[in-house]
Amino acid sequence: MAKKVSVKVVSHKDEVLAEFKHMKAVALEAIGTQAEGNVSLEIQVMGAIDTGNLLGSIDHMTDEDSAYVGTDVGYGYWVHVGTSKMEPRPFLEKGITEFADEYREIAENYMRKD
């Protein structure tokens, strides 16, 4: 006669999704912090420092899906794109795009479960 076997299936889906969401937020914060530093470095490399106001204004924020880096200094746009009297110094673009591999690596390191 066959022995009865009892099987209980337990789902940990909610815990896994919660951990994923948490690690995603941590990774985005790390990426934002690193990008903020890279953008600040680009300002220095491009010589876009007069008073230091623009450099000191670089900040980041995150939401559930993205990290944003920028400035609330109004003339930052004109420094970035240039004017008829000033060459563009695209500090935001370079600080983000030139370090894309670095940001990808940060995300992978946080999201990898060893």
Protein backbone atom coordinates (compact mmCIF):
# COMPACT_ATOMS: atom_id res chain seq x y z
CA MET A 1 0.00 0.00 0.00
CA ALA A 2 1.27 3.49 -0.91
CA LYS A 3 2.12 5.86 1.85
CA LYS A 4 0.30 9.19 1.91
CA VAL A 5 2.55 12.20 1.50
CA SER A 6 1.51 15.63 2.61
CA VAL A 7 2.87 18.62 0.72
CA LYS A 8 2.52 22.21 1.76
CA VAL A 9 3.39 24.95 -0.72
CA VAL A 10 4.45 28.27 0.77
CA SER A 11 4.86 31.38 -1.33
CA HIS A 12 7.45 33.98 -0.45
CA LYS A 13 6.51 36.20 -3.36
CA ASP A 14 5.60 39.18 -1.18
CA GLU A 15 8.87 39.03 0.75
CA VAL A 16 10.90 38.72 -2.46
CA LEU A 17 9.10 41.64 -4.09
CA ALA A 18 9.53 43.78 -0.96
CA GLU A 19 13.26 43.02 -0.84
CA PHE A 20 13.58 43.76 -4.56
CA LYS A 21 11.82 47.11 -4.12
CA HIS A 22 14.05 47.99 -1.15
CA MET A 23 17.29 47.09 -2.94
CA LYS A 24 16.16 48.98 -6.03
CA ALA A 25 15.65 52.11 -3.90
CA VAL A 26 19.07 51.66 -2.28
CA ALA A 27 20.72 51.17 -5.68
CA LEU A 28 19.04 54.28 -7.12
CA GLU A 29 20.20 56.36 -4.15
CA ALA A 30 23.77 55.10 -4.64
CA ILE A 31 23.60 55.88 -8.35
CA GLY A 32 22.21 59.36 -7.67
CA THR A 33 24.97 60.08 -5.16
CA GLN A 34 27.65 58.89 -7.58
CA ALA A 35 26.13 60.82 -10.50
CA GLU A 36 25.98 63.97 -8.36
CA GLY A 37 29.71 63.63 -7.74
CA ASN A 38 30.45 62.96 -11.41
CA VAL A 39 28.45 66.00 -12.55
CA SER A 40 30.28 68.15 -9.98
CA LEU A 41 33.59 66.81 -11.28
CA GLU A 42 32.61 67.71 -14.85
CA ILE A 43 31.85 71.28 -13.77
CA GLN A 44 35.37 71.51 -12.40
CA VAL A 45 36.99 69.84 -15.41
CA MET A 46 35.15 72.19 -17.80
CA GLY A 47 36.16 75.22 -15.78
CA ALA A 48 32.55 76.23 -15.20
CA ILE A 49 33.33 77.72 -11.80
CA ASP A 50 33.10 81.43 -11.12
CA THR A 51 31.57 81.83 -7.68
CA GLY A 52 31.11 78.13 -6.88
CA ASN A 53 27.34 78.62 -6.69
CA LEU A 54 26.61 76.23 -9.58
CA LEU A 55 29.01 73.61 -8.25
CA GLY A 56 27.46 73.80 -4.78
CA SER A 57 23.94 73.52 -6.16
CA ILE A 58 24.30 70.10 -7.79
CA ASP A 59 21.92 67.69 -6.08
CA HIS A 60 20.03 64.49 -6.77
CA MET A 61 16.69 62.93 -5.96
CA THR A 62 15.14 59.55 -6.62
CA ASP A 63 11.70 58.10 -7.13
CA GLU A 64 10.62 54.49 -7.48
CA ASP A 65 12.21 54.10 -10.92
CA SER A 66 14.85 56.78 -11.50
CA ALA A 67 17.62 58.92 -10.09
CA TYR A 68 17.69 62.57 -11.15
CA VAL A 69 20.64 64.94 -10.98
CA GLY A 70 20.46 68.66 -11.57
CA THR A 71 20.66 72.18 -10.26
CA ASP A 72 18.17 74.77 -9.16
CA VAL A 73 20.47 77.58 -10.26
CA GLY A 74 18.74 79.31 -13.16
CA TYR A 75 21.86 80.05 -15.17
CA GLY A 76 22.94 76.38 -15.03
CA TYR A 77 20.93 75.77 -18.19
CA TRP A 78 22.88 78.46 -20.06
CA VAL A 79 26.22 77.15 -18.83
CA HIS A 80 25.18 73.72 -20.09
CA VAL A 81 23.86 74.71 -23.55
CA GLY A 82 25.87 77.90 -24.10
CA THR A 83 24.85 81.31 -25.38
CA SER A 84 25.85 83.53 -28.28
CA LYS A 85 28.70 84.77 -26.07
CA MET A 86 29.64 81.54 -24.28
CA GLU A 87 30.49 78.07 -25.52
CA PRO A 88 28.35 75.24 -24.12
CA ARG A 89 29.77 73.26 -21.23
CA PRO A 90 27.48 70.22 -21.06
CA PHE A 91 28.39 69.21 -17.51
CA LEU A 92 25.12 67.35 -16.87
CA GLU A 93 25.22 65.36 -20.10
CA LYS A 94 28.86 64.35 -19.66
CA GLY A 95 28.48 63.60 -15.95
CA ILE A 96 25.65 61.21 -16.75
CA THR A 97 26.41 59.60 -20.12
CA GLU A 98 30.16 59.16 -19.76
CA PHE A 99 29.69 57.17 -16.56
CA ALA A 100 26.76 55.00 -17.67
CA ASP A 101 28.78 51.79 -17.25
CA GLU A 102 29.65 52.81 -13.69
CA TYR A 103 25.96 53.36 -12.87
CA ARG A 104 25.03 50.03 -14.43
CA GLU A 105 27.67 48.30 -12.31
CA ILE A 106 26.33 49.95 -9.14
CA ALA A 107 22.82 48.72 -9.98
CA GLU A 108 24.05 45.21 -10.71
CA ASN A 109 26.02 45.04 -7.47
CA TYR A 110 23.02 46.06 -5.37
CA MET A 111 20.54 43.87 -7.21
CA ARG A 112 22.70 40.74 -7.27
CA LYS A 113 21.87 38.33 -4.49
CA ASP A 114 24.98 36.34 -3.57
